[in-house]
Amino acid sequence: MKCNYENHYDSIFNHGFCLVCESEEKEYKMTFKELQEKENFDDRDTAKFFNLNYMSYMNSTAKKRYQDTLLRFYEYIKNT
């Protein structure tokens, strides 16, 4: 997958495709909020999962990517 964004170069170089664009294009069956409600966890639990303190997670520019990662992982586990 080629990426037209110059600032995504590191992702393409390290992974062979653009992880940023791929996660933006992915449509999930549920939202992150729905996943939290279904599995009964909150933002503090998400921060712990990624070994971050709560405020670092909440203020992170990567917060959306963390959420997409959990959604992707959840869908993978449910489909296997």
C-alpha atoms as a PDB file:
ATOM      1  CA  MET A   1       0.000   0.000   0.000  1.00  0.00           C
ATOM      2  CA  LYS A   2       1.444   3.317  -1.015  1.00  0.00           C
ATOM      3  CA  CYS A   3       0.917   6.406   1.052  1.00  0.00           C
ATOM      4  CA  ASN A   4       0.767   9.940  -0.268  1.00  0.00           C
ATOM      5  CA  TYR A   5       1.596  11.526   3.064  1.00  0.00           C
ATOM      6  CA  GLU A   6       5.225  12.427   3.523  1.00  0.00           C
ATOM      7  CA  ASN A   7       5.061  12.281   7.340  1.00  0.00           C
ATOM      8  CA  HIS A   8       3.969   8.614   7.192  1.00  0.00           C
ATOM      9  CA  TYR A   9       7.298   7.592   5.666  1.00  0.00           C
ATOM     10  CA  ASP A  10       8.608   6.014   8.894  1.00  0.00           C
ATOM     11  CA  SER A  11       5.635   3.663   9.066  1.00  0.00           C
ATOM     12  CA  ILE A  12       6.123   2.569   5.453  1.00  0.00           C
ATOM     13  CA  PHE A  13       9.866   2.148   5.945  1.00  0.00           C
ATOM     14  CA  ASN A  14       9.519   0.074   9.116  1.00  0.00           C
ATOM     15  CA  HIS A  15       6.523  -2.061   8.118  1.00  0.00           C
ATOM     16  CA  GLY A  16       6.401  -2.116   4.314  1.00  0.00           C
ATOM     17  CA  PHE A  17       3.008  -0.400   4.281  1.00  0.00           C
ATOM     18  CA  CYS A  18       1.440   2.596   5.924  1.00  0.00           C
ATOM     19  CA  LEU A  19      -0.064   1.613   9.281  1.00  0.00           C
ATOM     20  CA  VAL A  20      -1.495   5.092   9.759  1.00  0.00           C
ATOM     21  CA  CYS A  21      -3.552   5.115   6.578  1.00  0.00           C
ATOM     22  CA  GLU A  22      -4.570   1.491   6.973  1.00  0.00           C
ATOM     23  CA  SER A  23      -6.033   2.158  10.421  1.00  0.00           C
ATOM     24  CA  GLU A  24      -7.829   5.270   9.127  1.00  0.00           C
ATOM     25  CA  GLU A  25      -9.434   3.318   6.274  1.00  0.00           C
ATOM     26  CA  LYS A  26     -10.532   0.359   8.395  1.00  0.00           C
ATOM     27  CA  GLU A  27     -14.231   0.186   9.211  1.00  0.00           C
ATOM     28  CA  TYR A  28     -14.956  -1.718  12.381  1.00  0.00           C
ATOM     29  CA  LYS A  29     -18.153  -3.523  13.255  1.00  0.00           C
ATOM     30  CA  MET A  30     -18.428  -1.543  16.481  1.00  0.00           C
ATOM     31  CA  THR A  31     -17.065   1.657  17.943  1.00  0.00           C
ATOM     32  CA  PHE A  32     -14.497   1.755  20.703  1.00  0.00           C
ATOM     33  CA  LYS A  33     -17.160   3.087  23.078  1.00  0.00           C
ATOM     34  CA  GLU A  34     -19.401   0.107  22.272  1.00  0.00           C
ATOM     35  CA  LEU A  35     -16.490  -2.256  22.907  1.00  0.00           C
ATOM     36  CA  GLN A  36     -15.864  -0.622  26.280  1.00  0.00           C
ATOM     37  CA  GLU A  37     -19.503  -1.004  27.257  1.00  0.00           C
ATOM     38  CA  LYS A  38     -19.727  -4.599  26.027  1.00  0.00           C
ATOM     39  CA  GLU A  39     -16.540  -5.783  27.741  1.00  0.00           C
ATOM     40  CA  ASN A  40     -16.898  -3.493  30.769  1.00  0.00           C
ATOM     41  CA  PHE A  41     -13.600  -1.602  30.732  1.00  0.00           C
ATOM     42  CA  ASP A  42     -12.739   2.081  30.759  1.00  0.00           C
ATOM     43  CA  ASP A  43      -9.924   4.393  29.670  1.00  0.00           C
ATOM     44  CA  ARG A  44      -7.905   3.592  32.793  1.00  0.00           C
ATOM     45  CA  ASP A  45      -7.907  -0.085  31.856  1.00  0.00           C
ATOM     46  CA  THR A  46      -6.869   0.780  28.307  1.00  0.00           C
ATOM     47  CA  ALA A  47      -3.972   2.874  29.630  1.00  0.00           C
ATOM     48  CA  LYS A  48      -2.831  -0.024  31.838  1.00  0.00           C
ATOM     49  CA  PHE A  49      -3.001  -2.406  28.877  1.00  0.00           C
ATOM     50  CA  PHE A  50      -0.510  -0.242  26.968  1.00  0.00           C
ATOM     51  CA  ASN A  51       1.611   0.324  30.098  1.00  0.00           C
ATOM     52  CA  LEU A  52       0.801   4.041  30.269  1.00  0.00           C
ATOM     53  CA  ASN A  53      -0.423   6.150  33.116  1.00  0.00           C
ATOM     54  CA  TYR A  54      -3.949   7.474  32.711  1.00  0.00           C
ATOM     55  CA  MET A  55      -3.078  11.100  31.897  1.00  0.00           C
ATOM     56  CA  SER A  56      -0.436  10.098  29.355  1.00  0.00           C
ATOM     57  CA  TYR A  57      -3.011   7.972  27.559  1.00  0.00           C
ATOM     58  CA  MET A  58      -5.726  10.635  27.665  1.00  0.00           C
ATOM     59  CA  ASN A  59      -3.394  13.336  26.304  1.00  0.00           C
ATOM     60  CA  SER A  60      -1.637  11.101  23.785  1.00  0.00           C
ATOM     61  CA  THR A  61      -1.760  11.974  20.113  1.00  0.00           C
ATOM     62  CA  ALA A  62      -1.739   8.201  19.545  1.00  0.00           C
ATOM     63  CA  LYS A  63      -4.941   7.598  21.532  1.00  0.00           C
ATOM     64  CA  LYS A  64      -6.960   6.826  18.386  1.00  0.00           C
ATOM     65  CA  ARG A  65      -4.302   4.328  17.261  1.00  0.00           C
ATOM     66  CA  TYR A  66      -4.402   2.611  20.668  1.00  0.00           C
ATOM     67  CA  GLN A  67      -8.178   2.327  20.375  1.00  0.00           C
ATOM     68  CA  ASP A  68      -7.968   1.037  16.796  1.00  0.00           C
ATOM     69  CA  THR A  69      -5.422  -1.538  17.912  1.00  0.00           C
ATOM     70  CA  LEU A  70      -7.744  -2.874  20.596  1.00  0.00           C
ATOM     71  CA  LEU A  71     -10.675  -2.953  18.175  1.00  0.00           C
ATOM     72  CA  ARG A  72      -8.590  -4.804  15.595  1.00  0.00           C
ATOM     73  CA  PHE A  73      -7.353  -7.267  18.218  1.00  0.00           C
ATOM     74  CA  TYR A  74     -10.878  -7.844  19.559  1.00  0.00           C
ATOM     75  CA  GLU A  75     -12.259  -8.537  16.080  1.00  0.00           C
ATOM     76  CA  TYR A  76      -9.372 -10.874  15.334  1.00  0.00           C
ATOM     77  CA  ILE A  77      -9.953 -12.866  18.525  1.00  0.00           C
ATOM     78  CA  LYS A  78     -13.714 -13.035  17.962  1.00  0.00           C
ATOM     79  CA  ASN A  79     -13.253 -14.266  14.374  1.00  0.00           C
ATOM     80  CA  THR A  80     -10.803 -17.064  15.228  1.00  0.00           C
END
